[in-house]
Every structure is written in C-alpha cells, then in structure tokens.
Amino acid sequence: INYDLVYVDQRGTGQSNYLKCSGSFPRNVGEWQVCAGE
C-alpha cells in the first residue's frame, strides 16, 4: 500500500538484452567460455 515495488530485469536477463547460451545454463568454466564466445 505504501510503496511502489519496482522490479528491473538485470542486463543480460529477461527483456534486458537476454544473453542466451545454446547449451543451457553453463555449469563449469569451459561451458562459460563457450557461452561467452556465442
């Protein structure tokens, strides 16, 4: 009632330039490197 609740998609998520990894969510350093290269 007393406050505005404001939610923001952090950049790289949701509608803020979503960074998608083709191999789903990376679970190790190698997968993060592959995702970054995409």
PDB file of all heavy atoms in Angstrom:
ATOM      1  N   ILE A   1       0.819  -1.210   0.000  1.00  0.00           N
ATOM      2  CA  ILE A   1       0.000   0.000   0.000  1.00  0.00           C
ATOM      3  C   ILE A   1       0.856   1.265   0.000  1.00  0.00           C
ATOM      4  O   ILE A   1       0.549   2.255  -0.678  1.00  0.00           O
ATOM      5  CB  ILE A   1      -0.956   0.009   1.218  1.00  0.00           C
ATOM      6  CG1 ILE A   1      -2.009  -1.096   1.071  1.00  0.00           C
ATOM      7  CG2 ILE A   1      -1.625   1.365   1.372  1.00  0.00           C
ATOM      8  CD1 ILE A   1      -2.918  -0.931  -0.131  1.00  0.00           C
ATOM      9  N   ASN A   2       1.955   1.247   0.730  1.00  0.00           N
ATOM     10  CA  ASN A   2       2.718   2.472   0.965  1.00  0.00           C
ATOM     11  C   ASN A   2       3.938   2.642   0.068  1.00  0.00           C
ATOM     12  O   ASN A   2       4.552   3.711   0.078  1.00  0.00           O
ATOM     13  CB  ASN A   2       3.157   2.517   2.432  1.00  0.00           C
ATOM     14  CG  ASN A   2       1.976   2.606   3.388  1.00  0.00           C
ATOM     15  OD1 ASN A   2       1.226   3.575   3.361  1.00  0.00           O
ATOM     16  ND2 ASN A   2       1.804   1.595   4.212  1.00  0.00           N
ATOM     17  N   TYR A   3       4.282   1.614  -0.691  1.00  0.00           N
ATOM     18  CA  TYR A   3       5.483   1.705  -1.517  1.00  0.00           C
ATOM     19  C   TYR A   3       5.193   1.232  -2.940  1.00  0.00           C
ATOM     20  O   TYR A   3       4.316   0.383  -3.168  1.00  0.00           O
ATOM     21  CB  TYR A   3       6.604   0.829  -0.938  1.00  0.00           C
ATOM     22  CG  TYR A   3       7.130   1.299   0.395  1.00  0.00           C
ATOM     23  CD1 TYR A   3       6.553   0.847   1.583  1.00  0.00           C
ATOM     24  CD2 TYR A   3       8.200   2.187   0.472  1.00  0.00           C
ATOM     25  CE1 TYR A   3       7.028   1.278   2.812  1.00  0.00           C
ATOM     26  CE2 TYR A   3       8.693   2.614   1.702  1.00  0.00           C
ATOM     27  CZ  TYR A   3       8.101   2.155   2.865  1.00  0.00           C
ATOM     28  OH  TYR A   3       8.567   2.577   4.080  1.00  0.00           O
ATOM     29  N   ASP A   4       5.922   1.793  -3.886  1.00  0.00           N
ATOM     30  CA  ASP A   4       5.942   1.244  -5.241  1.00  0.00           C
ATOM     31  C   ASP A   4       6.969   0.118  -5.263  1.00  0.00           C
ATOM     32  O   ASP A   4       8.120   0.309  -4.841  1.00  0.00           O
ATOM     33  CB  ASP A   4       6.352   2.313  -6.260  1.00  0.00           C
ATOM     34  CG  ASP A   4       5.331   3.430  -6.369  1.00  0.00           C
ATOM     35  OD1 ASP A   4       4.146   3.173  -6.086  1.00  0.00           O
ATOM     36  OD2 ASP A   4       5.731   4.552  -6.737  1.00  0.00           O
ATOM     37  N   LEU A   5       6.578  -1.047  -5.741  1.00  0.00           N
ATOM     38  CA  LEU A   5       7.505  -2.175  -5.864  1.00  0.00           C
ATOM     39  C   LEU A   5       8.031  -2.190  -7.295  1.00  0.00           C
ATOM     40  O   LEU A   5       7.268  -2.414  -8.238  1.00  0.00           O
ATOM     41  CB  LEU A   5       6.802  -3.487  -5.525  1.00  0.00           C
ATOM     42  CG  LEU A   5       6.163  -3.553  -4.126  1.00  0.00           C
ATOM     43  CD1 LEU A   5       5.510  -4.906  -3.895  1.00  0.00           C
ATOM     44  CD2 LEU A   5       7.187  -3.257  -3.047  1.00  0.00           C
ATOM     45  N   VAL A   6       9.298  -1.936  -7.466  1.00  0.00           N
ATOM     46  CA  VAL A   6       9.897  -1.812  -8.791  1.00  0.00           C
ATOM     47  C   VAL A   6      10.841  -2.990  -9.029  1.00  0.00           C
ATOM     48  O   VAL A   6      11.757  -3.235  -8.233  1.00  0.00           O
ATOM     49  CB  VAL A   6      10.680  -0.491  -8.926  1.00  0.00           C
ATOM     50  CG1 VAL A   6      11.301  -0.385 -10.316  1.00  0.00           C
ATOM     51  CG2 VAL A   6       9.761   0.696  -8.644  1.00  0.00           C
ATOM     52  N   TYR A   7      10.617  -3.718 -10.117  1.00  0.00           N
ATOM     53  CA  TYR A   7      11.466  -4.853 -10.484  1.00  0.00           C
ATOM     54  C   TYR A   7      12.134  -4.544 -11.820  1.00  0.00           C
ATOM     55  O   TYR A   7      11.487  -4.083 -12.753  1.00  0.00           O
ATOM     56  CB  TYR A   7      10.635  -6.134 -10.600  1.00  0.00           C
ATOM     57  CG  TYR A   7       9.999  -6.552  -9.286  1.00  0.00           C
ATOM     58  CD1 TYR A   7       8.760  -6.044  -8.888  1.00  0.00           C
ATOM     59  CD2 TYR A   7      10.653  -7.438  -8.439  1.00  0.00           C
ATOM     60  CE1 TYR A   7       8.186  -6.413  -7.688  1.00  0.00           C
ATOM     61  CE2 TYR A   7      10.081  -7.821  -7.229  1.00  0.00           C
ATOM     62  CZ  TYR A   7       8.850  -7.302  -6.862  1.00  0.00           C
ATOM     63  OH  TYR A   7       8.277  -7.669  -5.670  1.00  0.00           O
ATOM     64  N   VAL A   8      13.421  -4.805 -11.896  1.00  0.00           N
ATOM     65  CA  VAL A   8      14.195  -4.495 -13.095  1.00  0.00           C
ATOM     66  C   VAL A   8      14.872  -5.765 -13.594  1.00  0.00           C
ATOM     67  O   VAL A   8      15.534  -6.464 -12.815  1.00  0.00           O
ATOM     68  CB  VAL A   8      15.271  -3.422 -12.801  1.00  0.00           C
ATOM     69  CG1 VAL A   8      16.077  -3.100 -14.058  1.00  0.00           C
ATOM     70  CG2 VAL A   8      14.632  -2.155 -12.234  1.00  0.00           C
ATOM     71  N   ASP A   9      14.707  -6.082 -14.880  1.00  0.00           N
ATOM     72  CA  ASP A   9      15.468  -7.185 -15.475  1.00  0.00           C
ATOM     73  C   ASP A   9      16.927  -6.757 -15.559  1.00  0.00           C
ATOM     74  O   ASP A   9      17.267  -5.820 -16.288  1.00  0.00           O
ATOM     75  CB  ASP A   9      14.959  -7.497 -16.889  1.00  0.00           C
ATOM     76  CG  ASP A   9      13.622  -8.216 -16.883  1.00  0.00           C
ATOM     77  OD1 ASP A   9      13.259  -8.775 -15.842  1.00  0.00           O
ATOM     78  OD2 ASP A   9      12.955  -8.220 -17.934  1.00  0.00           O
ATOM     79  N   GLN A  10      17.778  -7.423 -14.793  1.00  0.00           N
ATOM     80  CA  GLN A  10      19.198  -7.077 -14.860  1.00  0.00           C
ATOM     81  C   GLN A  10      19.718  -7.328 -16.273  1.00  0.00           C
ATOM     82  O   GLN A  10      19.312  -8.290 -16.930  1.00  0.00           O
ATOM     83  CB  GLN A  10      19.991  -7.913 -13.857  1.00  0.00           C
ATOM     84  CG  GLN A  10      21.449  -7.509 -13.738  1.00  0.00           C
ATOM     85  CD  GLN A  10      22.142  -8.167 -12.556  1.00  0.00           C
ATOM     86  OE1 GLN A  10      21.478  -8.512 -11.570  1.00  0.00           O
ATOM     87  NE2 GLN A  10      23.446  -8.343 -12.637  1.00  0.00           N
ATOM     88  N   ARG A  11      20.584  -6.446 -16.758  1.00  0.00           N
ATOM     89  CA  ARG A  11      21.070  -6.581 -18.132  1.00  0.00           C
ATOM     90  C   ARG A  11      21.624  -7.986 -18.353  1.00  0.00           C
ATOM     91  O   ARG A  11      22.334  -8.550 -17.523  1.00  0.00           O
ATOM     92  CB  ARG A  11      22.110  -5.518 -18.466  1.00  0.00           C
ATOM     93  CG  ARG A  11      23.349  -5.532 -17.604  1.00  0.00           C
ATOM     94  CD  ARG A  11      24.390  -4.559 -18.144  1.00  0.00           C
ATOM     95  NE  ARG A  11      23.937  -3.182 -18.095  1.00  0.00           N
ATOM     96  CZ  ARG A  11      24.576  -2.170 -18.697  1.00  0.00           C
ATOM     97  NH1 ARG A  11      25.686  -2.405 -19.386  1.00  0.00           N
ATOM     98  NH2 ARG A  11      24.122  -0.932 -18.601  1.00  0.00           N
ATOM     99  N   GLY A  12      21.243  -8.555 -19.500  1.00  0.00           N
ATOM    100  CA  GLY A  12      21.602  -9.931 -19.805  1.00  0.00           C
ATOM    101  C   GLY A  12      20.515 -10.924 -19.447  1.00  0.00           C
ATOM    102  O   GLY A  12      20.631 -12.113 -19.741  1.00  0.00           O
ATOM    103  N   THR A  13      19.419 -10.441 -18.806  1.00  0.00           N
ATOM    104  CA  THR A  13      18.325 -11.329 -18.413  1.00  0.00           C
ATOM    105  C   THR A  13      17.002 -10.753 -18.905  1.00  0.00           C
ATOM    106  O   THR A  13      16.906  -9.575 -19.247  1.00  0.00           O
ATOM    107  CB  THR A  13      18.245 -11.481 -16.882  1.00  0.00           C
ATOM    108  OG1 THR A  13      17.759 -10.254 -16.297  1.00  0.00           O
ATOM    109  CG2 THR A  13      19.608 -11.803 -16.294  1.00  0.00           C
ATOM    110  N   GLY A  14      15.975 -11.593 -18.917  1.00  0.00           N
ATOM    111  CA  GLY A  14      14.629 -11.138 -19.258  1.00  0.00           C
ATOM    112  C   GLY A  14      14.589 -10.355 -20.552  1.00  0.00           C
ATOM    113  O   GLY A  14      15.073 -10.815 -21.585  1.00  0.00           O
ATOM    114  N   GLN A  15      14.024  -9.158 -20.501  1.00  0.00           N
ATOM    115  CA  GLN A  15      13.915  -8.322 -21.686  1.00  0.00           C
ATOM    116  C   GLN A  15      15.028  -7.277 -21.761  1.00  0.00           C
ATOM    117  O   GLN A  15      14.952  -6.338 -22.552  1.00  0.00           O
ATOM    118  CB  GLN A  15      12.546  -7.625 -21.695  1.00  0.00           C
ATOM    119  CG  GLN A  15      11.375  -8.595 -21.774  1.00  0.00           C
ATOM    120  CD  GLN A  15      10.041  -7.884 -21.898  1.00  0.00           C
ATOM    121  OE1 GLN A  15       9.849  -7.021 -22.741  1.00  0.00           O
ATOM    122  NE2 GLN A  15       9.099  -8.255 -21.040  1.00  0.00           N
ATOM    123  N   SER A  16      16.074  -7.444 -20.943  1.00  0.00           N
ATOM    124  CA  SER A  16      17.216  -6.532 -20.980  1.00  0.00           C
ATOM    125  C   SER A  16      18.380  -7.198 -21.714  1.00  0.00           C
ATOM    126  O   SER A  16      19.394  -7.575 -21.119  1.00  0.00           O
ATOM    127  CB  SER A  16      17.629  -6.128 -19.554  1.00  0.00           C
ATOM    128  OG  SER A  16      16.617  -5.357 -18.939  1.00  0.00           O
ATOM    129  N   ASN A  17      18.180  -7.373 -23.026  1.00  0.00           N
ATOM    130  CA  ASN A  17      19.195  -7.992 -23.879  1.00  0.00           C
ATOM    131  C   ASN A  17      19.631  -9.346 -23.334  1.00  0.00           C
ATOM    132  O   ASN A  17      20.791  -9.585 -23.017  1.00  0.00           O
ATOM    133  CB  ASN A  17      20.420  -7.085 -24.041  1.00  0.00           C
ATOM    134  CG  ASN A  17      21.314  -7.542 -25.190  1.00  0.00           C
ATOM    135  OD1 ASN A  17      20.820  -8.048 -26.194  1.00  0.00           O
ATOM    136  ND2 ASN A  17      22.612  -7.375 -25.056  1.00  0.00           N
ATOM    137  N   TYR A  18      18.681 -10.258 -23.261  1.00  0.00           N
ATOM    138  CA  TYR A  18      18.908 -11.596 -22.710  1.00  0.00           C
ATOM    139  C   TYR A  18      20.065 -12.289 -23.416  1.00  0.00           C
ATOM    140  O   TYR A  18      20.079 -12.405 -24.645  1.00  0.00           O
ATOM    141  CB  TYR A  18      17.628 -12.408 -22.851  1.00  0.00           C
ATOM    142  CG  TYR A  18      17.745 -13.840 -22.375  1.00  0.00           C
ATOM    143  CD1 TYR A  18      18.174 -14.122 -21.093  1.00  0.00           C
ATOM    144  CD2 TYR A  18      17.386 -14.896 -23.204  1.00  0.00           C
ATOM    145  CE1 TYR A  18      18.264 -15.426 -20.639  1.00  0.00           C
ATOM    146  CE2 TYR A  18      17.471 -16.202 -22.761  1.00  0.00           C
ATOM    147  CZ  TYR A  18      17.909 -16.464 -21.485  1.00  0.00           C
ATOM    148  OH  TYR A  18      18.000 -17.748 -21.040  1.00  0.00           O
ATOM    149  N   LEU A  19      21.049 -12.744 -22.648  1.00  0.00           N
ATOM    150  CA  LEU A  19      22.199 -13.455 -23.193  1.00  0.00           C
ATOM    151  C   LEU A  19      21.939 -14.952 -23.085  1.00  0.00           C
ATOM    152  O   LEU A  19      22.012 -15.538 -22.002  1.00  0.00           O
ATOM    153  CB  LEU A  19      23.473 -13.082 -22.420  1.00  0.00           C
ATOM    154  CG  LEU A  19      23.842 -11.593 -22.421  1.00  0.00           C
ATOM    155  CD1 LEU A  19      25.131 -11.372 -21.628  1.00  0.00           C
ATOM    156  CD2 LEU A  19      23.997 -11.063 -23.839  1.00  0.00           C
ATOM    157  N   LYS A  20      21.627 -15.569 -24.192  1.00  0.00           N
ATOM    158  CA  LYS A  20      21.250 -16.983 -24.204  1.00  0.00           C
ATOM    159  C   LYS A  20      22.455 -17.854 -24.530  1.00  0.00           C
ATOM    160  O   LYS A  20      23.228 -17.545 -25.434  1.00  0.00           O
ATOM    161  CB  LYS A  20      20.143 -17.220 -25.230  1.00  0.00           C
ATOM    162  CG  LYS A  20      19.668 -18.668 -25.317  1.00  0.00           C
ATOM    163  CD  LYS A  20      18.522 -18.802 -26.302  1.00  0.00           C
ATOM    164  CE  LYS A  20      18.101 -20.253 -26.482  1.00  0.00           C
ATOM    165  NZ  LYS A  20      17.663 -20.857 -25.220  1.00  0.00           N
ATOM    166  N   CYS A  21      22.587 -18.944 -23.791  1.00  0.00           N
ATOM    167  CA  CYS A  21      23.632 -19.925 -24.060  1.00  0.00           C
ATOM    168  C   CYS A  21      22.992 -21.134 -24.758  1.00  0.00           C
ATOM    169  O   CYS A  21      22.002 -21.676 -24.259  1.00  0.00           O
ATOM    170  CB  CYS A  21      24.299 -20.380 -22.769  1.00  0.00           C
ATOM    171  SG  CYS A  21      25.047 -19.043 -21.813  1.00  0.00           S
ATOM    172  N   SER A  22      23.550 -21.541 -25.886  1.00  0.00           N
ATOM    173  CA  SER A  22      22.935 -22.627 -26.654  1.00  0.00           C
ATOM    174  C   SER A  22      22.941 -23.940 -25.889  1.00  0.00           C
ATOM    175  O   SER A  22      22.085 -24.795 -26.091  1.00  0.00           O
ATOM    176  CB  SER A  22      23.678 -22.810 -27.987  1.00  0.00           C
ATOM    177  OG  SER A  22      25.033 -23.169 -27.760  1.00  0.00           O
ATOM    178  N   GLY A  23      23.897 -24.116 -24.988  1.00  0.00           N
ATOM    179  CA  GLY A  23      23.989 -25.367 -24.232  1.00  0.00           C
ATOM    180  C   GLY A  23      23.321 -25.294 -22.881  1.00  0.00           C
ATOM    181  O   GLY A  23      23.727 -25.994 -21.959  1.00  0.00           O
ATOM    182  N   SER A  24      22.292 -24.463 -22.725  1.00  0.00           N
ATOM    183  CA  SER A  24      21.585 -24.201 -21.469  1.00  0.00           C
ATOM    184  C   SER A  24      22.524 -23.497 -20.490  1.00  0.00           C
ATOM    185  O   SER A  24      23.549 -22.958 -20.887  1.00  0.00           O
ATOM    186  CB  SER A  24      20.994 -25.487 -20.871  1.00  0.00           C
ATOM    187  OG  SER A  24      21.982 -26.292 -20.280  1.00  0.00           O
ATOM    188  N   PHE A  25      22.193 -23.529 -19.214  1.00  0.00           N
ATOM    189  CA  PHE A  25      22.958 -22.756 -18.240  1.00  0.00           C
ATOM    190  C   PHE A  25      24.325 -23.386 -18.019  1.00  0.00           C
ATOM    191  O   PHE A  25      24.417 -24.567 -17.696  1.00  0.00           O
ATOM    192  CB  PHE A  25      22.205 -22.677 -16.919  1.00  0.00           C
ATOM    193  CG  PHE A  25      22.813 -21.731 -15.936  1.00  0.00           C
ATOM    194  CD1 PHE A  25      22.546 -20.376 -16.005  1.00  0.00           C
ATOM    195  CD2 PHE A  25      23.674 -22.189 -14.942  1.00  0.00           C
ATOM    196  CE1 PHE A  25      23.105 -19.489 -15.097  1.00  0.00           C
ATOM    197  CE2 PHE A  25      24.238 -21.312 -14.036  1.00  0.00           C
ATOM    198  CZ  PHE A  25      23.955 -19.957 -14.116  1.00  0.00           C
ATOM    199  N   PRO A  26      25.418 -22.622 -18.180  1.00  0.00           N
ATOM    200  CA  PRO A  26      26.764 -23.194 -18.001  1.00  0.00           C
ATOM    201  C   PRO A  26      26.997 -23.655 -16.569  1.00  0.00           C
ATOM    202  O   PRO A  26      26.606 -22.984 -15.622  1.00  0.00           O
ATOM    203  CB  PRO A  26      27.695 -22.021 -18.354  1.00  0.00           C
ATOM    204  CG  PRO A  26      26.852 -21.083 -19.149  1.00  0.00           C
ATOM    205  CD  PRO A  26      25.473 -21.213 -18.597  1.00  0.00           C
ATOM    206  N   ARG A  27      27.682 -24.795 -16.430  1.00  0.00           N
ATOM    207  CA  ARG A  27      27.952 -25.339 -15.104  1.00  0.00           C
ATOM    208  C   ARG A  27      29.433 -25.420 -14.781  1.00  0.00           C
ATOM    209  O   ARG A  27      29.803 -25.844 -13.692  1.00  0.00           O
ATOM    210  CB  ARG A  27      27.340 -26.746 -14.976  1.00  0.00           C
ATOM    211  CG  ARG A  27      25.843 -26.809 -15.171  1.00  0.00           C
ATOM    212  CD  ARG A  27      25.081 -25.857 -14.321  1.00  0.00           C
ATOM    213  NE  ARG A  27      25.432 -25.914 -12.909  1.00  0.00           N
ATOM    214  CZ  ARG A  27      24.983 -25.062 -12.009  1.00  0.00           C
ATOM    215  NH1 ARG A  27      24.198 -24.066 -12.373  1.00  0.00           N
ATOM    216  NH2 ARG A  27      25.339 -25.175 -10.747  1.00  0.00           N
ATOM    217  N   ASN A  28      30.305 -25.074 -15.704  1.00  0.00           N
ATOM    218  CA  ASN A  28      31.730 -25.103 -15.409  1.00  0.00           C
ATOM    219  C   ASN A  28      32.423 -24.028 -16.238  1.00  0.00           C
ATOM    220  O   ASN A  28      31.802 -23.378 -17.090  1.00  0.00           O
ATOM    221  CB  ASN A  28      32.329 -26.492 -15.671  1.00  0.00           C
ATOM    222  CG  ASN A  28      32.065 -26.974 -17.082  1.00  0.00           C
ATOM    223  OD1 ASN A  28      32.378 -26.276 -18.051  1.00  0.00           O
ATOM    224  ND2 ASN A  28      31.491 -28.159 -17.217  1.00  0.00           N
ATOM    225  N   VAL A  29      33.727 -23.854 -16.000  1.00  0.00           N
ATOM    226  CA  VAL A  29      34.467 -22.779 -16.660  1.00  0.00           C
ATOM    227  C   VAL A  29      34.425 -22.929 -18.171  1.00  0.00           C
ATOM    228  O   VAL A  29      34.218 -21.963 -18.919  1.00  0.00           O
ATOM    229  CB  VAL A  29      35.919 -22.748 -16.153  1.00  0.00           C
ATOM    230  CG1 VAL A  29      36.733 -21.732 -16.945  1.00  0.00           C
ATOM    231  CG2 VAL A  29      35.962 -22.404 -14.668  1.00  0.00           C
ATOM    232  N   GLY A  30      34.619 -24.150 -18.654  1.00  0.00           N
ATOM    233  CA  GLY A  30      34.612 -24.389 -20.098  1.00  0.00           C
ATOM    234  C   GLY A  30      33.305 -24.003 -20.748  1.00  0.00           C
ATOM    235  O   GLY A  30      33.291 -23.383 -21.825  1.00  0.00           O
ATOM    236  N   GLU A  31      32.192 -24.361 -20.119  1.00  0.00           N
ATOM    237  CA  GLU A  31      30.879 -24.035 -20.678  1.00  0.00           C
ATOM    238  C   GLU A  31      30.633 -22.528 -20.652  1.00  0.00           C
ATOM    239  O   GLU A  31      30.000 -21.984 -21.561  1.00  0.00           O
ATOM    240  CB  GLU A  31      29.788 -24.782 -19.904  1.00  0.00           C
ATOM    241  CG  GLU A  31      29.819 -26.290 -20.141  1.00  0.00           C
ATOM    242  CD  GLU A  31      28.767 -27.025 -19.337  1.00  0.00           C
ATOM    243  OE1 GLU A  31      27.998 -26.358 -18.602  1.00  0.00           O
ATOM    244  OE2 GLU A  31      28.713 -28.269 -19.422  1.00  0.00           O
ATOM    245  N   TRP A  32      31.125 -21.839 -19.611  1.00  0.00           N
ATOM    246  CA  TRP A  32      31.001 -20.384 -19.576  1.00  0.00           C
ATOM    247  C   TRP A  32      31.796 -19.750 -20.712  1.00  0.00           C
ATOM    248  O   TRP A  32      31.355 -18.785 -21.346  1.00  0.00           O
ATOM    249  CB  TRP A  32      31.489 -19.834 -18.232  1.00  0.00           C
ATOM    250  CG  TRP A  32      30.442 -19.844 -17.159  1.00  0.00           C
ATOM    251  CD1 TRP A  32      30.378 -20.672 -16.086  1.00  0.00           C
ATOM    252  CD2 TRP A  32      29.293 -18.991 -17.063  1.00  0.00           C
ATOM    253  NE1 TRP A  32      29.269 -20.390 -15.324  1.00  0.00           N
ATOM    254  CE2 TRP A  32      28.592 -19.364 -15.899  1.00  0.00           C
ATOM    255  CE3 TRP A  32      28.803 -17.955 -17.845  1.00  0.00           C
ATOM    256  CZ2 TRP A  32      27.423 -18.736 -15.505  1.00  0.00           C
ATOM    257  CZ3 TRP A  32      27.629 -17.320 -17.454  1.00  0.00           C
ATOM    258  CH2 TRP A  32      26.951 -17.711 -16.297  1.00  0.00           C
ATOM    259  N   GLN A  33      32.971 -20.298 -21.002  1.00  0.00           N
ATOM    260  CA  GLN A  33      33.791 -19.754 -22.085  1.00  0.00           C
ATOM    261  C   GLN A  33      33.109 -19.955 -23.435  1.00  0.00           C
ATOM    262  O   GLN A  33      33.133 -19.064 -24.297  1.00  0.00           O
ATOM    263  CB  GLN A  33      35.173 -20.409 -22.062  1.00  0.00           C
ATOM    264  CG  GLN A  33      36.010 -20.011 -20.864  1.00  0.00           C
ATOM    265  CD  GLN A  33      37.292 -20.796 -20.737  1.00  0.00           C
ATOM    266  OE1 GLN A  33      37.400 -21.912 -21.242  1.00  0.00           O
ATOM    267  NE2 GLN A  33      38.285 -20.219 -20.059  1.00  0.00           N
ATOM    268  N   VAL A  34      32.502 -21.122 -23.628  1.00  0.00           N
ATOM    269  CA  VAL A  34      31.772 -21.385 -24.871  1.00  0.00           C
ATOM    270  C   VAL A  34      30.614 -20.413 -25.009  1.00  0.00           C
ATOM    271  O   VAL A  34      30.387 -19.820 -26.077  1.00  0.00           O
ATOM    272  CB  VAL A  34      31.263 -22.848 -24.897  1.00  0.00           C
ATOM    273  CG1 VAL A  34      30.287 -23.050 -26.056  1.00  0.00           C
ATOM    274  CG2 VAL A  34      32.433 -23.814 -25.021  1.00  0.00           C
ATOM    275  N   CYS A  35      29.857 -20.220 -23.921  1.00  0.00           N
ATOM    276  CA  CYS A  35      28.710 -19.311 -23.953  1.00  0.00           C
ATOM    277  C   CYS A  35      29.164 -17.887 -24.259  1.00  0.00           C
ATOM    278  O   CYS A  35      28.536 -17.183 -25.049  1.00  0.00           O
ATOM    279  CB  CYS A  35      27.966 -19.367 -22.627  1.00  0.00           C
ATOM    280  SG  CYS A  35      26.512 -18.287 -22.575  1.00  0.00           S
ATOM    281  N   ALA A  36      30.270 -17.463 -23.633  1.00  0.00           N
ATOM    282  CA  ALA A  36      30.774 -16.108 -23.879  1.00  0.00           C
ATOM    283  C   ALA A  36      31.128 -15.924 -25.349  1.00  0.00           C
ATOM    284  O   ALA A  36      30.874 -14.860 -25.939  1.00  0.00           O
ATOM    285  CB  ALA A  36      31.993 -15.839 -23.000  1.00  0.00           C
ATOM    286  N   GLY A  37      31.689 -16.965 -25.958  1.00  0.00           N
ATOM    287  CA  GLY A  37      32.051 -16.882 -27.367  1.00  0.00           C
ATOM    288  C   GLY A  37      30.863 -16.783 -28.295  1.00  0.00           C
ATOM    289  O   GLY A  37      30.989 -16.347 -29.451  1.00  0.00           O
ATOM    290  N   GLU A  38      29.689 -17.178 -27.807  1.00  0.00           N
ATOM    291  CA  GLU A  38      28.472 -17.114 -28.622  1.00  0.00           C
ATOM    292  C   GLU A  38      27.843 -15.719 -28.637  1.00  0.00           C
ATOM    293  O   GLU A  38      26.964 -15.450 -29.457  1.00  0.00           O
ATOM    294  CB  GLU A  38      27.439 -18.123 -28.101  1.00  0.00           C
ATOM    295  CG  GLU A  38      27.886 -19.568 -28.240  1.00  0.00           C
ATOM    296  CD  GLU A  38      26.919 -20.543 -27.581  1.00  0.00           C
ATOM    297  OE1 GLU A  38      26.043 -20.071 -26.791  1.00  0.00           O
ATOM    298  OE2 GLU A  38      27.015 -21.745 -27.830  1.00  0.00           O
TER     299      GLU A  38
END
